[in-house]
Amino acid sequence: MATYAVGDIQGCLDPLKALLNRVDFNPSCDTLISAGDLVNRGPQSLAALRYCMGLGNAFKMVLGNHDLHLLAIAEGIRKPSEQDTIQEVLDAPDREKIFSWLRNQPLILSEGNYQIVHAGIPHIWDIGQAKSFANEVSNAIQSTQRRKFFEHMYGNHPDIWHNSLEGTERLRTITNYLTRMRLCDPQGRLDLKVKDCTSQPGPYKPWFSYERTDERPIEIIFGHWAALKGKPFKSPLFALDTGYVWGGSMRLMCLEDQQIFHQAFID
């Protein structure tokens, strides 16, 4: 019995299957957890969704920004861009089943002492706050009024958390921290424009550079930031997005012993 976490799949099912074959993954006793961005940019978004859904209770995931983007398009909020590779999902005969399943995935997962999230957990929130805020977004996504959430989901402002935030601005800010964050300043103000880990304007640093104040130490597994090339990768931080869709590798981690496995890019 083993639990594995994988970085951003982004519609690349073949390398995922290659990794699972390498570790003799058995869905009857093992568990696979995706750190988000199951879809988009790669060529097999529909197949990846169907495969992971087919694993049943052997599969868990957190929502990433690309997954939320797909759900927003499904609601008619936006149209796919030239870079998106999700049209086959939108045209699928089982699309409503897929979207219902995807909407019911959380933004944070706890697995033992590990906290799995797509982008990260800002130092200005303890884990209890982060889970509570994530639930607010999940409730909005799963609501019959979800279209309102998706209509206001896009945008970089507000760029700093205040407990007084309300309504769609509050939900957008929570979503940006958990699914888009890379850099922030000591007060938690986000810079959502810079993606390169070497370019850090002004007071902004990687979100994980700041000391946390949780009552108990936690270990955070995250994806999203391919430019990190899988670093940091030691307790308490485990970066899993090694940029497969950009020609890098796909990373799989066994949670029990922190052993990692890589699948090189398949041209």
C-alpha atoms as a PDB file:
ATOM      1  CA  MET A   1       0.000   0.000   0.000  1.00  0.00           C
ATOM      2  CA  ALA A   2       1.531   3.286  -1.114  1.00  0.00           C
ATOM      3  CA  THR A   3       0.467   6.881  -1.720  1.00  0.00           C
ATOM      4  CA  TYR A   4       1.961   8.836  -4.609  1.00  0.00           C
ATOM      5  CA  ALA A   5       1.735  12.523  -5.474  1.00  0.00           C
ATOM      6  CA  VAL A   6       2.336  13.749  -9.019  1.00  0.00           C
ATOM      7  CA  GLY A   7       3.072  17.194 -10.384  1.00  0.00           C
ATOM      8  CA  ASP A   8       1.168  19.043 -13.100  1.00  0.00           C
ATOM      9  CA  ILE A   9      -0.145  16.493 -15.616  1.00  0.00           C
ATOM     10  CA  GLN A  10      -1.665  19.102 -17.946  1.00  0.00           C
ATOM     11  CA  GLY A  11      -3.254  16.647 -20.336  1.00  0.00           C
ATOM     12  CA  CYS A  12      -0.166  14.423 -20.653  1.00  0.00           C
ATOM     13  CA  LEU A  13      -1.497  10.954 -19.856  1.00  0.00           C
ATOM     14  CA  ASP A  14       1.224   8.788 -21.438  1.00  0.00           C
ATOM     15  CA  PRO A  15       4.054   9.909 -19.111  1.00  0.00           C
ATOM     16  CA  LEU A  16       1.739   9.532 -16.119  1.00  0.00           C
ATOM     17  CA  LYS A  17       0.985   5.942 -17.098  1.00  0.00           C
ATOM     18  CA  ALA A  18       4.699   5.304 -17.624  1.00  0.00           C
ATOM     19  CA  LEU A  19       5.435   6.515 -14.082  1.00  0.00           C
ATOM     20  CA  LEU A  20       2.645   4.448 -12.574  1.00  0.00           C
ATOM     21  CA  ASN A  21       3.877   1.355 -14.399  1.00  0.00           C
ATOM     22  CA  ARG A  22       7.362   1.963 -13.034  1.00  0.00           C
ATOM     23  CA  VAL A  23       6.135   1.862  -9.437  1.00  0.00           C
ATOM     24  CA  ASP A  24       3.689  -0.998 -10.086  1.00  0.00           C
ATOM     25  CA  PHE A  25       0.776   1.218  -9.106  1.00  0.00           C
ATOM     26  CA  ASN A  26      -2.207  -0.880  -8.039  1.00  0.00           C
ATOM     27  CA  PRO A  27      -5.494   1.049  -7.661  1.00  0.00           C
ATOM     28  CA  SER A  28      -6.880  -1.655  -5.401  1.00  0.00           C
ATOM     29  CA  CYS A  29      -4.398  -0.731  -2.678  1.00  0.00           C
ATOM     30  CA  ASP A  30      -2.414   2.356  -3.782  1.00  0.00           C
ATOM     31  CA  THR A  31      -3.484   6.014  -4.049  1.00  0.00           C
ATOM     32  CA  LEU A  32      -2.502   8.684  -6.572  1.00  0.00           C
ATOM     33  CA  ILE A  33      -2.807  12.387  -5.712  1.00  0.00           C
ATOM     34  CA  SER A  34      -2.541  15.130  -8.324  1.00  0.00           C
ATOM     35  CA  ALA A  35      -1.203  18.538  -7.273  1.00  0.00           C
ATOM     36  CA  GLY A  36      -3.559  20.204  -9.749  1.00  0.00           C
ATOM     37  CA  ASP A  37      -3.610  21.250 -13.403  1.00  0.00           C
ATOM     38  CA  LEU A  38      -4.821  17.891 -14.584  1.00  0.00           C
ATOM     39  CA  VAL A  39      -5.733  19.459 -17.930  1.00  0.00           C
ATOM     40  CA  ASN A  40      -4.649  21.914 -20.633  1.00  0.00           C
ATOM     41  CA  ARG A  41      -1.564  22.587 -22.741  1.00  0.00           C
ATOM     42  CA  GLY A  42      -0.928  18.861 -23.338  1.00  0.00           C
ATOM     43  CA  PRO A  43      -2.650  16.691 -25.987  1.00  0.00           C
ATOM     44  CA  GLN A  44      -4.671  14.296 -23.804  1.00  0.00           C
ATOM     45  CA  SER A  45      -6.839  16.362 -21.460  1.00  0.00           C
ATOM     46  CA  LEU A  46      -9.999  14.303 -22.045  1.00  0.00           C
ATOM     47  CA  ALA A  47      -8.181  10.981 -21.736  1.00  0.00           C
ATOM     48  CA  ALA A  48      -6.423  12.153 -18.568  1.00  0.00           C
ATOM     49  CA  LEU A  49      -9.725  13.184 -16.988  1.00  0.00           C
ATOM     50  CA  ARG A  50     -11.414   9.908 -17.867  1.00  0.00           C
ATOM     51  CA  TYR A  51      -8.452   7.861 -16.679  1.00  0.00           C
ATOM     52  CA  CYS A  52      -8.242   9.601 -13.307  1.00  0.00           C
ATOM     53  CA  MET A  53     -11.991   9.460 -12.815  1.00  0.00           C
ATOM     54  CA  GLY A  54     -11.823   5.749 -13.593  1.00  0.00           C
ATOM     55  CA  LEU A  55      -9.417   5.182 -10.709  1.00  0.00           C
ATOM     56  CA  GLY A  56     -12.289   5.896  -8.310  1.00  0.00           C
ATOM     57  CA  ASN A  57     -11.236   6.175  -4.681  1.00  0.00           C
ATOM     58  CA  ALA A  58      -7.626   5.455  -5.686  1.00  0.00           C
ATOM     59  CA  PHE A  59      -7.356   8.991  -7.089  1.00  0.00           C
ATOM     60  CA  LYS A  60      -7.429  12.369  -5.357  1.00  0.00           C
ATOM     61  CA  MET A  61      -6.570  15.840  -6.588  1.00  0.00           C
ATOM     62  CA  VAL A  62      -6.618  19.540  -5.821  1.00  0.00           C
ATOM     63  CA  LEU A  63      -7.817  22.069  -8.345  1.00  0.00           C
ATOM     64  CA  GLY A  64      -5.256  24.127 -10.217  1.00  0.00           C
ATOM     65  CA  ASN A  65      -5.681  27.305 -12.223  1.00  0.00           C
ATOM     66  CA  HIS A  66      -6.008  25.388 -15.506  1.00  0.00           C
ATOM     67  CA  ASP A  67      -8.709  23.152 -14.042  1.00  0.00           C
ATOM     68  CA  LEU A  68     -10.620  26.235 -12.892  1.00  0.00           C
ATOM     69  CA  HIS A  69     -10.125  27.812 -16.314  1.00  0.00           C
ATOM     70  CA  LEU A  70     -11.755  24.771 -17.927  1.00  0.00           C
ATOM     71  CA  LEU A  71     -14.706  25.007 -15.533  1.00  0.00           C
ATOM     72  CA  ALA A  72     -15.115  28.707 -16.307  1.00  0.00           C
ATOM     73  CA  ILE A  73     -15.173  27.979 -20.046  1.00  0.00           C
ATOM     74  CA  ALA A  74     -17.711  25.211 -19.416  1.00  0.00           C
ATOM     75  CA  GLU A  75     -19.950  27.822 -17.778  1.00  0.00           C
ATOM     76  CA  GLY A  76     -19.716  29.997 -20.875  1.00  0.00           C
ATOM     77  CA  ILE A  77     -17.697  32.701 -19.110  1.00  0.00           C
ATOM     78  CA  ARG A  78     -14.835  32.606 -21.613  1.00  0.00           C
ATOM     79  CA  LYS A  79     -13.899  30.926 -24.856  1.00  0.00           C
ATOM     80  CA  PRO A  80     -10.775  28.755 -25.212  1.00  0.00           C
ATOM     81  CA  SER A  81      -7.653  30.634 -26.241  1.00  0.00           C
ATOM     82  CA  GLU A  82      -5.268  29.551 -28.987  1.00  0.00           C
ATOM     83  CA  GLN A  83      -3.016  27.988 -26.343  1.00  0.00           C
ATOM     84  CA  ASP A  84      -5.773  25.926 -24.720  1.00  0.00           C
ATOM     85  CA  THR A  85      -6.061  22.228 -25.588  1.00  0.00           C
ATOM     86  CA  ILE A  86      -9.405  21.466 -23.981  1.00  0.00           C
ATOM     87  CA  GLN A  87     -11.874  21.587 -26.866  1.00  0.00           C
ATOM     88  CA  GLU A  88     -12.274  17.811 -26.878  1.00  0.00           C
ATOM     89  CA  VAL A  89     -13.393  17.982 -23.242  1.00  0.00           C
ATOM     90  CA  LEU A  90     -15.956  20.654 -24.080  1.00  0.00           C
ATOM     91  CA  ASP A  91     -17.248  18.495 -26.967  1.00  0.00           C
ATOM     92  CA  ALA A  92     -17.298  15.218 -25.020  1.00  0.00           C
ATOM     93  CA  PRO A  93     -20.650  13.410 -24.677  1.00  0.00           C
ATOM     94  CA  ASP A  94     -19.899  12.854 -20.984  1.00  0.00           C
ATOM     95  CA  ARG A  95     -18.848  16.463 -20.367  1.00  0.00           C
ATOM     96  CA  GLU A  96     -21.484  17.126 -17.685  1.00  0.00           C
ATOM     97  CA  LYS A  97     -20.349  14.094 -15.697  1.00  0.00           C
ATOM     98  CA  ILE A  98     -16.747  15.253 -16.025  1.00  0.00           C
ATOM     99  CA  PHE A  99     -17.479  18.834 -14.966  1.00  0.00           C
ATOM    100  CA  SER A 100     -19.571  17.712 -12.001  1.00  0.00           C
ATOM    101  CA  TRP A 101     -16.719  15.484 -10.844  1.00  0.00           C
ATOM    102  CA  LEU A 102     -14.150  18.243 -11.326  1.00  0.00           C
ATOM    103  CA  ARG A 103     -16.193  20.835  -9.444  1.00  0.00           C
ATOM    104  CA  ASN A 104     -16.246  18.540  -6.425  1.00  0.00           C
ATOM    105  CA  GLN A 105     -12.462  18.436  -6.081  1.00  0.00           C
ATOM    106  CA  PRO A 106     -10.953  20.534  -3.231  1.00  0.00           C
ATOM    107  CA  LEU A 107      -8.302  23.261  -3.282  1.00  0.00           C
ATOM    108  CA  ILE A 108      -6.366  21.770  -0.342  1.00  0.00           C
ATOM    109  CA  LEU A 109      -5.924  18.120   0.635  1.00  0.00           C
ATOM    110  CA  SER A 110      -4.444  16.729   3.838  1.00  0.00           C
ATOM    111  CA  GLU A 111      -2.643  13.405   3.723  1.00  0.00           C
ATOM    112  CA  GLY A 112      -1.059  12.692   7.098  1.00  0.00           C
ATOM    113  CA  ASN A 113       1.247  15.617   7.827  1.00  0.00           C
ATOM    114  CA  TYR A 114       1.311  16.603   4.145  1.00  0.00           C
ATOM    115  CA  GLN A 115      -0.785  19.464   2.828  1.00  0.00           C
ATOM    116  CA  ILE A 116      -1.294  19.263  -0.939  1.00  0.00           C
ATOM    117  CA  VAL A 117      -2.138  22.476  -2.789  1.00  0.00           C
ATOM    118  CA  HIS A 118      -1.596  23.658  -6.350  1.00  0.00           C
ATOM    119  CA  ALA A 119       0.350  26.921  -5.939  1.00  0.00           C
ATOM    120  CA  GLY A 120       1.091  27.188  -2.220  1.00  0.00           C
ATOM    121  CA  ILE A 121      -0.129  28.335   1.170  1.00  0.00           C
ATOM    122  CA  PRO A 122       0.867  31.912   2.071  1.00  0.00           C
ATOM    123  CA  HIS A 123       2.742  32.485   5.315  1.00  0.00           C
ATOM    124  CA  ILE A 124       0.087  34.977   6.436  1.00  0.00           C
ATOM    125  CA  TRP A 125      -2.394  32.088   6.905  1.00  0.00           C
ATOM    126  CA  ASP A 126      -2.000  29.144   9.226  1.00  0.00           C
ATOM    127  CA  ILE A 127      -3.179  25.803   7.893  1.00  0.00           C
ATOM    128  CA  GLY A 128      -6.519  26.056   9.679  1.00  0.00           C
ATOM    129  CA  GLN A 129      -7.258  29.394   8.021  1.00  0.00           C
ATOM    130  CA  ALA A 130      -6.110  28.122   4.643  1.00  0.00           C
ATOM    131  CA  LYS A 131      -8.469  25.135   4.801  1.00  0.00           C
ATOM    132  CA  SER A 132     -11.377  27.293   5.918  1.00  0.00           C
ATOM    133  CA  PHE A 133     -10.801  29.803   3.102  1.00  0.00           C
ATOM    134  CA  ALA A 134     -10.385  26.984   0.570  1.00  0.00           C
ATOM    135  CA  ASN A 135     -13.758  25.602   1.649  1.00  0.00           C
ATOM    136  CA  GLU A 136     -15.364  28.972   0.926  1.00  0.00           C
ATOM    137  CA  VAL A 137     -14.203  28.725  -2.679  1.00  0.00           C
ATOM    138  CA  SER A 138     -15.226  25.069  -2.953  1.00  0.00           C
ATOM    139  CA  ASN A 139     -18.708  25.912  -1.718  1.00  0.00           C
ATOM    140  CA  ALA A 140     -18.999  28.624  -4.364  1.00  0.00           C
ATOM    141  CA  ILE A 141     -17.795  26.304  -7.146  1.00  0.00           C
ATOM    142  CA  GLN A 142     -20.261  23.581  -6.118  1.00  0.00           C
ATOM    143  CA  SER A 143     -23.174  25.975  -5.670  1.00  0.00           C
ATOM    144  CA  THR A 144     -26.031  26.375  -8.131  1.00  0.00           C
ATOM    145  CA  GLN A 145     -24.866  30.015  -8.238  1.00  0.00           C
ATOM    146  CA  ARG A 146     -21.357  29.015  -9.366  1.00  0.00           C
ATOM    147  CA  ARG A 147     -21.575  31.071 -12.559  1.00  0.00           C
ATOM    148  CA  LYS A 148     -21.250  34.228 -10.451  1.00  0.00           C
ATOM    149  CA  PHE A 149     -17.987  32.925  -8.981  1.00  0.00           C
ATOM    150  CA  PHE A 150     -16.525  32.143 -12.397  1.00  0.00           C
ATOM    151  CA  GLU A 151     -17.638  35.494 -13.833  1.00  0.00           C
ATOM    152  CA  HIS A 152     -15.480  37.245 -11.228  1.00  0.00           C
ATOM    153  CA  MET A 153     -12.675  34.681 -10.833  1.00  0.00           C
ATOM    154  CA  TYR A 154     -10.199  36.291 -13.247  1.00  0.00           C
ATOM    155  CA  GLY A 155      -8.063  39.243 -12.172  1.00  0.00           C
ATOM    156  CA  ASN A 156      -5.014  40.176 -10.076  1.00  0.00           C
ATOM    157  CA  HIS A 157      -6.765  42.408  -7.545  1.00  0.00           C
ATOM    158  CA  PRO A 158      -7.140  42.612  -4.653  1.00  0.00           C
ATOM    159  CA  ASP A 159      -3.484  41.588  -4.440  1.00  0.00           C
ATOM    160  CA  ILE A 160      -3.295  41.301  -0.642  1.00  0.00           C
ATOM    161  CA  TRP A 161      -5.437  39.511   1.912  1.00  0.00           C
ATOM    162  CA  HIS A 162      -7.668  41.345   4.360  1.00  0.00           C
ATOM    163  CA  ASN A 163     -10.082  39.576   6.684  1.00  0.00           C
ATOM    164  CA  SER A 164     -12.620  42.239   5.767  1.00  0.00           C
ATOM    165  CA  LEU A 165     -12.767  41.161   2.114  1.00  0.00           C
ATOM    166  CA  GLU A 166     -16.237  40.080   1.066  1.00  0.00           C
ATOM    167  CA  GLY A 167     -18.093  38.534  -1.834  1.00  0.00           C
ATOM    168  CA  THR A 168     -16.443  37.902  -5.176  1.00  0.00           C
ATOM    169  CA  GLU A 169     -13.298  39.879  -4.289  1.00  0.00           C
ATOM    170  CA  ARG A 170     -12.739  37.654  -1.259  1.00  0.00           C
ATOM    171  CA  LEU A 171     -13.195  34.473  -3.289  1.00  0.00           C
ATOM    172  CA  ARG A 172     -10.953  35.721  -6.112  1.00  0.00           C
ATOM    173  CA  THR A 173      -8.172  36.584  -3.658  1.00  0.00           C
ATOM    174  CA  ILE A 174      -8.342  33.189  -1.946  1.00  0.00           C
ATOM    175  CA  THR A 175      -8.286  31.476  -5.344  1.00  0.00           C
ATOM    176  CA  ASN A 176      -5.253  33.473  -6.455  1.00  0.00           C
ATOM    177  CA  TYR A 177      -3.275  32.550  -3.342  1.00  0.00           C
ATOM    178  CA  LEU A 178      -4.012  28.847  -3.602  1.00  0.00           C
ATOM    179  CA  THR A 179      -3.844  28.334  -7.366  1.00  0.00           C
ATOM    180  CA  ARG A 180      -1.725  31.152  -8.883  1.00  0.00           C
ATOM    181  CA  MET A 181       0.714  32.425  -6.239  1.00  0.00           C
ATOM    182  CA  ARG A 182       4.453  32.479  -6.856  1.00  0.00           C
ATOM    183  CA  LEU A 183       5.848  35.682  -5.336  1.00  0.00           C
ATOM    184  CA  CYS A 184       4.648  37.788  -2.422  1.00  0.00           C
ATOM    185  CA  ASP A 185       6.061  40.405  -0.066  1.00  0.00           C
ATOM    186  CA  PRO A 186       6.424  40.103   3.737  1.00  0.00           C
ATOM    187  CA  GLN A 187       2.825  41.310   4.212  1.00  0.00           C
ATOM    188  CA  GLY A 188       1.517  38.759   1.737  1.00  0.00           C
ATOM    189  CA  ARG A 189       0.965  41.113  -1.213  1.00  0.00           C
ATOM    190  CA  LEU A 190       1.024  39.085  -4.424  1.00  0.00           C
ATOM    191  CA  ASP A 191       2.941  39.653  -7.628  1.00  0.00           C
ATOM    192  CA  LEU A 192       1.004  37.556 -10.142  1.00  0.00           C
ATOM    193  CA  LYS A 193       2.843  38.724 -13.251  1.00  0.00           C
ATOM    194  CA  VAL A 194       6.336  37.303 -12.720  1.00  0.00           C
ATOM    195  CA  LYS A 195       6.799  33.583 -13.436  1.00  0.00           C
ATOM    196  CA  ASP A 196      10.589  33.341 -13.566  1.00  0.00           C
ATOM    197  CA  CYS A 197      12.024  32.360 -10.173  1.00  0.00           C
ATOM    198  CA  THR A 198      15.180  34.400 -10.863  1.00  0.00           C
ATOM    199  CA  SER A 199      13.332  37.682 -11.423  1.00  0.00           C
ATOM    200  CA  GLN A 200      12.088  39.001  -8.098  1.00  0.00           C
ATOM    201  CA  PRO A 201      11.103  42.674  -8.238  1.00  0.00           C
ATOM    202  CA  GLY A 202      11.401  44.876  -5.180  1.00  0.00           C
ATOM    203  CA  PRO A 203      10.412  43.262  -1.900  1.00  0.00           C
ATOM    204  CA  TYR A 204       8.864  40.194  -3.518  1.00  0.00           C
ATOM    205  CA  LYS A 205      10.202  36.706  -2.765  1.00  0.00           C
ATOM    206  CA  PRO A 206       8.970  33.161  -3.408  1.00  0.00           C
ATOM    207  CA  TRP A 207       6.004  32.517  -1.136  1.00  0.00           C
ATOM    208  CA  PHE A 208       7.873  29.704   0.648  1.00  0.00           C
ATOM    209  CA  SER A 209      10.764  32.004   1.639  1.00  0.00           C
ATOM    210  CA  TYR A 210       8.900  33.295   4.683  1.00  0.00           C
ATOM    211  CA  GLU A 211       8.737  31.660   8.099  1.00  0.00           C
ATOM    212  CA  ARG A 212       5.414  30.036   8.895  1.00  0.00           C
ATOM    213  CA  THR A 213       3.597  30.312  12.221  1.00  0.00           C
ATOM    214  CA  ASP A 214       1.569  27.105  12.295  1.00  0.00           C
ATOM    215  CA  GLU A 215       1.099  25.556  15.732  1.00  0.00           C
ATOM    216  CA  ARG A 216       2.548  22.321  14.392  1.00  0.00           C
ATOM    217  CA  PRO A 217       5.071  21.926  11.567  1.00  0.00           C
ATOM    218  CA  ILE A 218       3.482  21.012   8.245  1.00  0.00           C
ATOM    219  CA  GLU A 219       4.881  19.721   4.985  1.00  0.00           C
ATOM    220  CA  ILE A 220       3.570  21.294   1.792  1.00  0.00           C
ATOM    221  CA  ILE A 221       3.395  19.523  -1.568  1.00  0.00           C
ATOM    222  CA  PHE A 222       2.761  21.880  -4.476  1.00  0.00           C
ATOM    223  CA  GLY A 223       2.957  22.187  -8.260  1.00  0.00           C
ATOM    224  CA  HIS A 224       2.291  25.155 -10.559  1.00  0.00           C
ATOM    225  CA  TRP A 225       5.769  26.719 -10.731  1.00  0.00           C
ATOM    226  CA  ALA A 226       7.636  24.900 -13.500  1.00  0.00           C
ATOM    227  CA  ALA A 227      10.471  27.444 -13.504  1.00  0.00           C
ATOM    228  CA  LEU A 228      11.598  26.132 -10.099  1.00  0.00           C
ATOM    229  CA  LYS A 229      12.570  22.870 -11.862  1.00  0.00           C
ATOM    230  CA  GLY A 230      11.510  20.845  -8.848  1.00  0.00           C
ATOM    231  CA  LYS A 231      13.301  22.837  -6.130  1.00  0.00           C
ATOM    232  CA  PRO A 232      12.888  23.067  -3.178  1.00  0.00           C
ATOM    233  CA  PHE A 233      12.560  19.365  -2.545  1.00  0.00           C
ATOM    234  CA  LYS A 234      13.231  18.613   1.083  1.00  0.00           C
ATOM    235  CA  SER A 235      11.073  18.762   4.171  1.00  0.00           C
ATOM    236  CA  PRO A 236       8.938  20.784   4.660  1.00  0.00           C
ATOM    237  CA  LEU A 237       8.559  21.771   0.960  1.00  0.00           C
ATOM    238  CA  PHE A 238       8.154  19.490  -2.031  1.00  0.00           C
ATOM    239  CA  ALA A 239       7.895  21.097  -5.479  1.00  0.00           C
ATOM    240  CA  LEU A 240       6.431  18.608  -7.951  1.00  0.00           C
ATOM    241  CA  ASP A 241       6.028  20.596 -11.172  1.00  0.00           C
ATOM    242  CA  THR A 242       9.138  19.892 -13.209  1.00  0.00           C
ATOM    243  CA  GLY A 243       7.638  21.255 -16.433  1.00  0.00           C
ATOM    244  CA  TYR A 244       6.821  18.158 -18.425  1.00  0.00           C
ATOM    245  CA  VAL A 245       4.536  20.007 -20.816  1.00  0.00           C
ATOM    246  CA  TRP A 246       7.437  22.398 -21.550  1.00  0.00           C
ATOM    247  CA  GLY A 247       9.894  19.613 -22.346  1.00  0.00           C
ATOM    248  CA  GLY A 248      10.997  18.795 -18.813  1.00  0.00           C
ATOM    249  CA  SER A 249      10.139  15.679 -16.829  1.00  0.00           C
ATOM    250  CA  MET A 250       7.091  14.563 -14.875  1.00  0.00           C
ATOM    251  CA  ARG A 251       7.720  13.962 -11.169  1.00  0.00           C
ATOM    252  CA  LEU A 252       6.102  11.366  -8.936  1.00  0.00           C
ATOM    253  CA  MET A 253       6.755  11.202  -5.191  1.00  0.00           C
ATOM    254  CA  CYS A 254       6.015   8.369  -2.779  1.00  0.00           C
ATOM    255  CA  LEU A 255       4.690   9.994   0.382  1.00  0.00           C
ATOM    256  CA  GLU A 256       5.767   7.183   2.677  1.00  0.00           C
ATOM    257  CA  ASP A 257       9.513   7.431   1.980  1.00  0.00           C
ATOM    258  CA  GLN A 258       9.759  10.619  -0.154  1.00  0.00           C
ATOM    259  CA  GLN A 259      11.368   8.699  -2.986  1.00  0.00           C
ATOM    260  CA  ILE A 260      10.964  10.426  -6.337  1.00  0.00           C
ATOM    261  CA  PHE A 261      10.565   9.094  -9.852  1.00  0.00           C
ATOM    262  CA  HIS A 262      10.889  11.034 -13.097  1.00  0.00           C
ATOM    263  CA  GLN A 263       9.577  10.430 -16.596  1.00  0.00           C
ATOM    264  CA  ALA A 264      11.557  12.258 -19.252  1.00  0.00           C
ATOM    265  CA  PHE A 265       9.721  14.108 -21.993  1.00  0.00           C
ATOM    266  CA  ILE A 266       8.359  11.837 -24.714  1.00  0.00           C
ATOM    267  CA  ASP A 267       8.575  13.579 -28.088  1.00  0.00           C
END
